[in-house]
Amino acid sequence: MKNSMNNGAANNNSNNAGGRIIMTNGTIKTMEAFADTVKSVMETIYSDGYRISVEPITKNNGTRFTRLAFYKEGMNISPAVYLDELFEAYQNGLTMEEVCTNVEIIYEQHKPEQDFDSTMLRDFNQVKDVICFKLINAEKNREMLFDTPYIPYQDLAIVFYVVVAKNESGTGTMFIRNSHMEMWGTDVHTLYSMAMQNTQRIFRGRIQPMGSVIADIMERKLDAEDFNEFYDMAVDMEEIMPMYIASNYEKLNGAAVLLYPNLLRNFAECIGCDFYILPSSIHEIIFLPESAGVGSESLKMLVQDVNATEVDDEEVLSDNVYFYSRAYDRVEMM
């Protein structure tokens, strides 16, 4: 394949080896040029019956990504490889050949073997038992919510999706838009009623002490034999850190457990006091007993700092803090 692409990097020592581009790392300066380069290589590898397309996409919280979509003739599923992290890795030293190898591996691992039966998505009776909900930030997704059925909740929005696949390889979902709701001849309150039943059944909720979660992470990172050889941890972590992580077992859109009936009330009864709710991400929330004596303003500053430094923009839920009252059995934004 002759490399005749104009990517804005003159005299970049690029050449061809075995149908792949080898290019001095760092010579491509823009995502557009990077994506076009990868696209050209993939078009050489997948030349028979494929159409490769570079596509910008906007996801949760208005975050924008660039993906490479693989359209195979005769297939109605088009897997895509997201290029943003690969571009960052390329800027940090990954070669273009390594980038393209990664893209090829990712596609091969996820390419479909057969068509998806899209007829089920047109039949409400076939999807009604797999409609679920999740929580997103209302303001950050204001534009997207214009054509999306949703229910306001504090500063958040309850939105809906269809679980199209759930197995050991992961969970496939389809976001529900107004056009789907209209096609099914239903309304947002019916979606909510069904999603309330389905989400609890499909994504079982789970509350764990943060101390035990940290201990599990440490054990996974350290060799188990060394971890136990040098010391025993006799300190009760919950005495130091009386925090609890609430999510589902899949840790996917787990902040939605906030909506599960009786979950908050039962947790409050277990700890014997009211508690704060910290929106860790769209995938999990943190419960902090009021008895810990930490003020809401300090907690809000903590959440804002973590969101700004530790949480991916796409996964931020809110910068606010909430409070559950046993007396009123309700959540209020602080």
Foldseek 3Di string as FASTA:
>chain_A
DDPPDDQPQPPQPWDDDPLAIWTFFPSRDDPVSLVVNLLSSVCSVVVPQWDKDWDWDAAALRDIWIWIWIDGPPAPDIDIDTCPVVNVVSNVPDISRNSSVVRVVVCVVDPDPHHDPCVLLLECVSFLLFKAKFKAFCVSCVVVCVFFAWDDDARITIFIWGFSDDDPVHTDIGGDTNVSCVSNVHHSVSSVVSNLVRCCVVFPKDKAFVVVVVVVVVPVVDPVVVVPPPDDDPDDVCVVPVKMKMATPRLDLGVCCVVHPPPQLVVCVVVVAKWKWQPQWSRIIMTGGVVVVDDQVVSLVVSVVCCVPPDDSNTHGDSWMWIAHNVVRDIDTD
